[in-house]
PDB file of all heavy atoms in Angstrom:
ATOM      1  N   VAL A   1       0.823  -1.200   0.000  1.00  0.00           N
ATOM      2  CA  VAL A   1       0.002  -0.007   0.001  1.00  0.00           C
ATOM      3  C   VAL A   1       0.856   1.255   0.004  1.00  0.00           C
ATOM      4  O   VAL A   1       0.606   2.216  -0.696  1.00  0.00           O
ATOM      5  CB  VAL A   1      -0.945  -0.026   1.222  1.00  0.00           C
ATOM      6  CG1 VAL A   1      -1.653   1.308   1.375  1.00  0.00           C
ATOM      7  CG2 VAL A   1      -1.964  -1.147   1.083  1.00  0.00           C
ATOM      8  N   ALA A   2       1.936   1.218   0.799  1.00  0.00           N
ATOM      9  CA  ALA A   2       2.795   2.397   0.910  1.00  0.00           C
ATOM     10  C   ALA A   2       3.464   2.724  -0.405  1.00  0.00           C
ATOM     11  O   ALA A   2       3.752   3.873  -0.697  1.00  0.00           O
ATOM     12  CB  ALA A   2       3.844   2.170   1.980  1.00  0.00           C
ATOM     13  N   ALA A   3       3.741   1.662  -1.218  1.00  0.00           N
ATOM     14  CA  ALA A   3       4.437   1.899  -2.473  1.00  0.00           C
ATOM     15  C   ALA A   3       3.532   2.501  -3.536  1.00  0.00           C
ATOM     16  O   ALA A   3       3.998   2.937  -4.582  1.00  0.00           O
ATOM     17  CB  ALA A   3       5.024   0.587  -2.989  1.00  0.00           C
ATOM     18  N   GLN A   4       2.222   2.490  -3.278  1.00  0.00           N
ATOM     19  CA  GLN A   4       1.305   3.025  -4.262  1.00  0.00           C
ATOM     20  C   GLN A   4       1.259   4.549  -4.194  1.00  0.00           C
ATOM     21  O   GLN A   4       1.418   5.141  -3.143  1.00  0.00           O
ATOM     22  CB  GLN A   4      -0.099   2.455  -4.026  1.00  0.00           C
ATOM     23  CG  GLN A   4      -0.204   0.967  -4.307  1.00  0.00           C
ATOM     24  CD  GLN A   4      -1.600   0.454  -4.023  1.00  0.00           C
ATOM     25  OE1 GLN A   4      -2.344   1.049  -3.240  1.00  0.00           O
ATOM     26  NE2 GLN A   4      -1.958  -0.644  -4.640  1.00  0.00           N
ATOM     27  N   SER A   5       1.013   5.143  -5.341  1.00  0.00           N
ATOM     28  CA  SER A   5       0.862   6.604  -5.392  1.00  0.00           C
ATOM     29  C   SER A   5      -0.421   7.009  -4.687  1.00  0.00           C
ATOM     30  O   SER A   5      -1.420   6.302  -4.727  1.00  0.00           O
ATOM     31  CB  SER A   5       0.822   7.062  -6.851  1.00  0.00           C
ATOM     32  OG  SER A   5       1.993   6.696  -7.525  1.00  0.00           O
ATOM     33  N   ARG A   6      -0.399   8.159  -4.055  1.00  0.00           N
ATOM     34  CA  ARG A   6      -1.588   8.703  -3.383  1.00  0.00           C
ATOM     35  C   ARG A   6      -2.099   9.877  -4.199  1.00  0.00           C
ATOM     36  O   ARG A   6      -1.318  10.782  -4.537  1.00  0.00           O
ATOM     37  CB  ARG A   6      -1.227   9.144  -1.958  1.00  0.00           C
ATOM     38  CG  ARG A   6      -2.424   9.443  -1.061  1.00  0.00           C
ATOM     39  CD  ARG A   6      -2.004   9.482   0.401  1.00  0.00           C
ATOM     40  NE  ARG A   6      -3.153   9.674   1.267  1.00  0.00           N
ATOM     41  CZ  ARG A   6      -3.464  10.835   1.840  1.00  0.00           C
ATOM     42  NH1 ARG A   6      -2.697  11.900   1.641  1.00  0.00           N
ATOM     43  NH2 ARG A   6      -4.515  10.936   2.617  1.00  0.00           N
ATOM     44  N   ILE A   7      -3.367   9.853  -4.553  1.00  0.00           N
ATOM     45  CA  ILE A   7      -3.915  10.868  -5.457  1.00  0.00           C
ATOM     46  C   ILE A   7      -5.202  11.463  -4.886  1.00  0.00           C
ATOM     47  O   ILE A   7      -5.818  10.899  -3.988  1.00  0.00           O
ATOM     48  CB  ILE A   7      -4.210  10.293  -6.858  1.00  0.00           C
ATOM     49  CG1 ILE A   7      -5.423   9.341  -6.823  1.00  0.00           C
ATOM     50  CG2 ILE A   7      -2.996   9.588  -7.425  1.00  0.00           C
ATOM     51  CD1 ILE A   7      -5.913   8.929  -8.195  1.00  0.00           C
ATOM     52  N   ALA A   8      -5.573  12.600  -5.438  1.00  0.00           N
ATOM     53  CA  ALA A   8      -6.865  13.227  -5.114  1.00  0.00           C
ATOM     54  C   ALA A   8      -7.499  13.674  -6.435  1.00  0.00           C
ATOM     55  O   ALA A   8      -6.794  14.120  -7.349  1.00  0.00           O
ATOM     56  CB  ALA A   8      -6.676  14.418  -4.183  1.00  0.00           C
ATOM     57  N   VAL A   9      -8.803  13.541  -6.520  1.00  0.00           N
ATOM     58  CA  VAL A   9      -9.540  13.886  -7.738  1.00  0.00           C
ATOM     59  C   VAL A   9     -10.368  15.138  -7.473  1.00  0.00           C
ATOM     60  O   VAL A   9     -11.251  15.140  -6.616  1.00  0.00           O
ATOM     61  CB  VAL A   9     -10.457  12.745  -8.191  1.00  0.00           C
ATOM     62  CG1 VAL A   9     -11.208  13.139  -9.474  1.00  0.00           C
ATOM     63  CG2 VAL A   9      -9.659  11.469  -8.411  1.00  0.00           C
ATOM     64  N   MET A  10     -10.094  16.184  -8.229  1.00  0.00           N
ATOM     65  CA  MET A  10     -10.864  17.419  -8.079  1.00  0.00           C
ATOM     66  C   MET A  10     -12.142  17.368  -8.912  1.00  0.00           C
ATOM     67  O   MET A  10     -12.236  16.603  -9.874  1.00  0.00           O
ATOM     68  CB  MET A  10     -10.013  18.620  -8.496  1.00  0.00           C
ATOM     69  CG  MET A  10      -8.752  18.779  -7.684  1.00  0.00           C
ATOM     70  SD  MET A  10      -8.063  20.452  -7.799  1.00  0.00           S
ATOM     71  CE  MET A  10      -9.318  21.392  -6.964  1.00  0.00           C
ATOM     72  N   LYS A  11     -13.105  18.153  -8.511  1.00  0.00           N
ATOM     73  CA  LYS A  11     -14.319  18.285  -9.304  1.00  0.00           C
ATOM     74  C   LYS A  11     -13.966  18.728 -10.711  1.00  0.00           C
ATOM     75  O   LYS A  11     -13.144  19.637 -10.909  1.00  0.00           O
ATOM     76  CB  LYS A  11     -15.243  19.320  -8.665  1.00  0.00           C
ATOM     77  CG  LYS A  11     -16.471  19.673  -9.491  1.00  0.00           C
ATOM     78  CD  LYS A  11     -17.293  20.737  -8.787  1.00  0.00           C
ATOM     79  CE  LYS A  11     -18.430  21.217  -9.668  1.00  0.00           C
ATOM     80  NZ  LYS A  11     -19.238  22.258  -8.978  1.00  0.00           N
ATOM     81  N   LEU A  12     -14.537  18.081 -11.715  1.00  0.00           N
ATOM     82  CA  LEU A  12     -14.248  18.433 -13.095  1.00  0.00           C
ATOM     83  C   LEU A  12     -15.049  19.673 -13.500  1.00  0.00           C
ATOM     84  O   LEU A  12     -16.174  19.875 -13.038  1.00  0.00           O
ATOM     85  CB  LEU A  12     -14.566  17.262 -14.040  1.00  0.00           C
ATOM     86  CG  LEU A  12     -13.451  16.221 -14.210  1.00  0.00           C
ATOM     87  CD1 LEU A  12     -13.178  15.477 -12.928  1.00  0.00           C
ATOM     88  CD2 LEU A  12     -13.785  15.246 -15.332  1.00  0.00           C
ATOM     89  N   GLU A  13     -14.450  20.465 -14.342  1.00  0.00           N
ATOM     90  CA  GLU A  13     -15.135  21.649 -14.852  1.00  0.00           C
ATOM     91  C   GLU A  13     -16.194  21.232 -15.850  1.00  0.00           C
ATOM     92  O   GLU A  13     -15.928  20.449 -16.767  1.00  0.00           O
ATOM     93  CB  GLU A  13     -14.132  22.597 -15.511  1.00  0.00           C
ATOM     94  CG  GLU A  13     -14.741  23.912 -15.962  1.00  0.00           C
ATOM     95  CD  GLU A  13     -13.718  24.841 -16.574  1.00  0.00           C
ATOM     96  OE1 GLU A  13     -12.526  24.461 -16.680  1.00  0.00           O
ATOM     97  OE2 GLU A  13     -14.105  25.971 -16.944  1.00  0.00           O
ATOM     98  N   ASP A  14     -17.391  21.738 -15.695  1.00  0.00           N
ATOM     99  CA  ASP A  14     -18.497  21.411 -16.596  1.00  0.00           C
ATOM    100  C   ASP A  14     -18.530  22.399 -17.757  1.00  0.00           C
ATOM    101  O   ASP A  14     -18.896  23.555 -17.598  1.00  0.00           O
ATOM    102  CB  ASP A  14     -19.821  21.456 -15.834  1.00  0.00           C
ATOM    103  CG  ASP A  14     -21.018  21.069 -16.691  1.00  0.00           C
ATOM    104  OD1 ASP A  14     -20.824  20.720 -17.881  1.00  0.00           O
ATOM    105  OD2 ASP A  14     -22.152  21.123 -16.169  1.00  0.00           O
ATOM    106  N   LYS A  15     -18.123  21.918 -18.931  1.00  0.00           N
ATOM    107  CA  LYS A  15     -18.114  22.753 -20.131  1.00  0.00           C
ATOM    108  C   LYS A  15     -19.255  22.393 -21.083  1.00  0.00           C
ATOM    109  O   LYS A  15     -19.265  22.841 -22.240  1.00  0.00           O
ATOM    110  CB  LYS A  15     -16.766  22.610 -20.860  1.00  0.00           C
ATOM    111  CG  LYS A  15     -15.577  23.152 -20.072  1.00  0.00           C
ATOM    112  CD  LYS A  15     -14.296  23.080 -20.886  1.00  0.00           C
ATOM    113  CE  LYS A  15     -13.122  23.692 -20.153  1.00  0.00           C
ATOM    114  NZ  LYS A  15     -11.864  23.626 -20.960  1.00  0.00           N
ATOM    115  N   THR A  16     -20.204  21.625 -20.610  1.00  0.00           N
ATOM    116  CA  THR A  16     -21.270  21.151 -21.501  1.00  0.00           C
ATOM    117  C   THR A  16     -22.389  22.163 -21.674  1.00  0.00           C
ATOM    118  O   THR A  16     -23.116  22.113 -22.656  1.00  0.00           O
ATOM    119  CB  THR A  16     -21.887  19.856 -20.943  1.00  0.00           C
ATOM    120  OG1 THR A  16     -22.582  20.144 -19.712  1.00  0.00           O
ATOM    121  CG2 THR A  16     -20.798  18.818 -20.674  1.00  0.00           C
ATOM    122  N   GLY A  17     -22.546  23.051 -20.686  1.00  0.00           N
ATOM    123  CA  GLY A  17     -23.645  24.009 -20.780  1.00  0.00           C
ATOM    124  C   GLY A  17     -24.974  23.438 -20.352  1.00  0.00           C
ATOM    125  O   GLY A  17     -25.996  24.118 -20.416  1.00  0.00           O
ATOM    126  N   HIS A  18     -24.992  22.161 -19.892  1.00  0.00           N
ATOM    127  CA  HIS A  18     -26.236  21.552 -19.468  1.00  0.00           C
ATOM    128  C   HIS A  18     -26.366  21.686 -17.935  1.00  0.00           C
ATOM    129  O   HIS A  18     -25.732  20.978 -17.182  1.00  0.00           O
ATOM    130  CB  HIS A  18     -26.267  20.067 -19.838  1.00  0.00           C
ATOM    131  CG  HIS A  18     -26.342  19.826 -21.311  1.00  0.00           C
ATOM    132  ND1 HIS A  18     -27.354  20.307 -22.098  1.00  0.00           N
ATOM    133  CD2 HIS A  18     -25.484  19.160 -22.134  1.00  0.00           C
ATOM    134  CE1 HIS A  18     -27.146  19.929 -23.360  1.00  0.00           C
ATOM    135  NE2 HIS A  18     -26.018  19.244 -23.404  1.00  0.00           N
ATOM    136  N   HIS A  19     -27.223  22.596 -17.512  1.00  0.00           N
ATOM    137  CA  HIS A  19     -27.436  22.799 -16.086  1.00  0.00           C
ATOM    138  C   HIS A  19     -28.896  22.515 -15.711  1.00  0.00           C
ATOM    139  O   HIS A  19     -29.313  22.806 -14.590  1.00  0.00           O
ATOM    140  CB  HIS A  19     -27.074  24.237 -15.696  1.00  0.00           C
ATOM    141  CG  HIS A  19     -25.689  24.617 -16.106  1.00  0.00           C
ATOM    142  ND1 HIS A  19     -24.568  24.053 -15.571  1.00  0.00           N
ATOM    143  CD2 HIS A  19     -25.243  25.505 -17.041  1.00  0.00           C
ATOM    144  CE1 HIS A  19     -23.472  24.565 -16.124  1.00  0.00           C
ATOM    145  NE2 HIS A  19     -23.857  25.453 -17.019  1.00  0.00           N
ATOM    146  N   GLU A  20     -29.635  21.948 -16.642  1.00  0.00           N
ATOM    147  CA  GLU A  20     -31.058  21.753 -16.418  1.00  0.00           C
ATOM    148  C   GLU A  20     -31.409  20.339 -15.948  1.00  0.00           C
ATOM    149  O   GLU A  20     -32.582  20.016 -15.730  1.00  0.00           O
ATOM    150  CB  GLU A  20     -31.842  22.034 -17.725  1.00  0.00           C
ATOM    151  CG  GLU A  20     -31.658  20.991 -18.819  1.00  0.00           C
ATOM    152  CD  GLU A  20     -30.416  21.210 -19.691  1.00  0.00           C
ATOM    153  OE1 GLU A  20     -29.536  21.985 -19.268  1.00  0.00           O
ATOM    154  OE2 GLU A  20     -30.356  20.620 -20.780  1.00  0.00           O
ATOM    155  N   TYR A  21     -30.393  19.501 -15.744  1.00  0.00           N
ATOM    156  CA  TYR A  21     -30.670  18.111 -15.414  1.00  0.00           C
ATOM    157  C   TYR A  21     -30.917  17.878 -13.926  1.00  0.00           C
ATOM    158  O   TYR A  21     -31.330  16.817 -13.503  1.00  0.00           O
ATOM    159  CB  TYR A  21     -29.537  17.203 -15.870  1.00  0.00           C
ATOM    160  CG  TYR A  21     -29.322  17.208 -17.376  1.00  0.00           C
ATOM    161  CD1 TYR A  21     -28.047  17.103 -17.913  1.00  0.00           C
ATOM    162  CD2 TYR A  21     -30.406  17.323 -18.248  1.00  0.00           C
ATOM    163  CE1 TYR A  21     -27.839  17.108 -19.292  1.00  0.00           C
ATOM    164  CE2 TYR A  21     -30.218  17.338 -19.622  1.00  0.00           C
ATOM    165  CZ  TYR A  21     -28.930  17.235 -20.130  1.00  0.00           C
ATOM    166  OH  TYR A  21     -28.734  17.251 -21.496  1.00  0.00           O
ATOM    167  N   GLY A  22     -30.594  18.881 -13.107  1.00  0.00           N
ATOM    168  CA  GLY A  22     -30.845  18.737 -11.677  1.00  0.00           C
ATOM    169  C   GLY A  22     -29.726  18.082 -10.915  1.00  0.00           C
ATOM    170  O   GLY A  22     -29.917  17.688  -9.751  1.00  0.00           O
ATOM    171  N   TYR A  23     -28.564  17.920 -11.527  1.00  0.00           N
ATOM    172  CA  TYR A  23     -27.407  17.411 -10.794  1.00  0.00           C
ATOM    173  C   TYR A  23     -26.138  18.090 -11.311  1.00  0.00           C
ATOM    174  O   TYR A  23     -26.106  18.622 -12.418  1.00  0.00           O
ATOM    175  CB  TYR A  23     -27.265  15.892 -10.898  1.00  0.00           C
ATOM    176  CG  TYR A  23     -27.596  15.270 -12.234  1.00  0.00           C
ATOM    177  CD1 TYR A  23     -26.727  15.379 -13.317  1.00  0.00           C
ATOM    178  CD2 TYR A  23     -28.773  14.564 -12.418  1.00  0.00           C
ATOM    179  CE1 TYR A  23     -27.020  14.794 -14.543  1.00  0.00           C
ATOM    180  CE2 TYR A  23     -29.075  13.995 -13.629  1.00  0.00           C
ATOM    181  CZ  TYR A  23     -28.206  14.102 -14.702  1.00  0.00           C
ATOM    182  OH  TYR A  23     -28.509  13.531 -15.914  1.00  0.00           O
ATOM    183  N   ASP A  24     -25.090  18.038 -10.478  1.00  0.00           N
ATOM    184  CA  ASP A  24     -23.823  18.667 -10.806  1.00  0.00           C
ATOM    185  C   ASP A  24     -22.974  17.665 -11.584  1.00  0.00           C
ATOM    186  O   ASP A  24     -22.436  16.704 -11.015  1.00  0.00           O
ATOM    187  CB  ASP A  24     -23.113  19.094  -9.516  1.00  0.00           C
ATOM    188  CG  ASP A  24     -21.878  19.958  -9.759  1.00  0.00           C
ATOM    189  OD1 ASP A  24     -21.175  19.705 -10.746  1.00  0.00           O
ATOM    190  OD2 ASP A  24     -21.622  20.868  -8.961  1.00  0.00           O
ATOM    191  N   ILE A  25     -22.836  17.882 -12.877  1.00  0.00           N
ATOM    192  CA  ILE A  25     -22.144  16.916 -13.727  1.00  0.00           C
ATOM    193  C   ILE A  25     -20.686  16.752 -13.340  1.00  0.00           C
ATOM    194  O   ILE A  25     -20.169  15.629 -13.222  1.00  0.00           O
ATOM    195  CB  ILE A  25     -22.270  17.329 -15.215  1.00  0.00           C
ATOM    196  CG1 ILE A  25     -23.741  17.282 -15.650  1.00  0.00           C
ATOM    197  CG2 ILE A  25     -21.416  16.412 -16.102  1.00  0.00           C
ATOM    198  CD1 ILE A  25     -23.984  17.816 -17.054  1.00  0.00           C
ATOM    199  N   GLY A  26     -20.005  17.878 -13.129  1.00  0.00           N
ATOM    200  CA  GLY A  26     -18.578  17.810 -12.783  1.00  0.00           C
ATOM    201  C   GLY A  26     -18.341  17.087 -11.479  1.00  0.00           C
ATOM    202  O   GLY A  26     -17.381  16.325 -11.325  1.00  0.00           O
TER     203      GLY A  26
END
């Protein structure tokens, strides 16, 4: 486990222009 890389995933930027679906795509 220690030898594995440690990462974090940031919220993706939503470039689709779709904000009417009722959820945060990014």
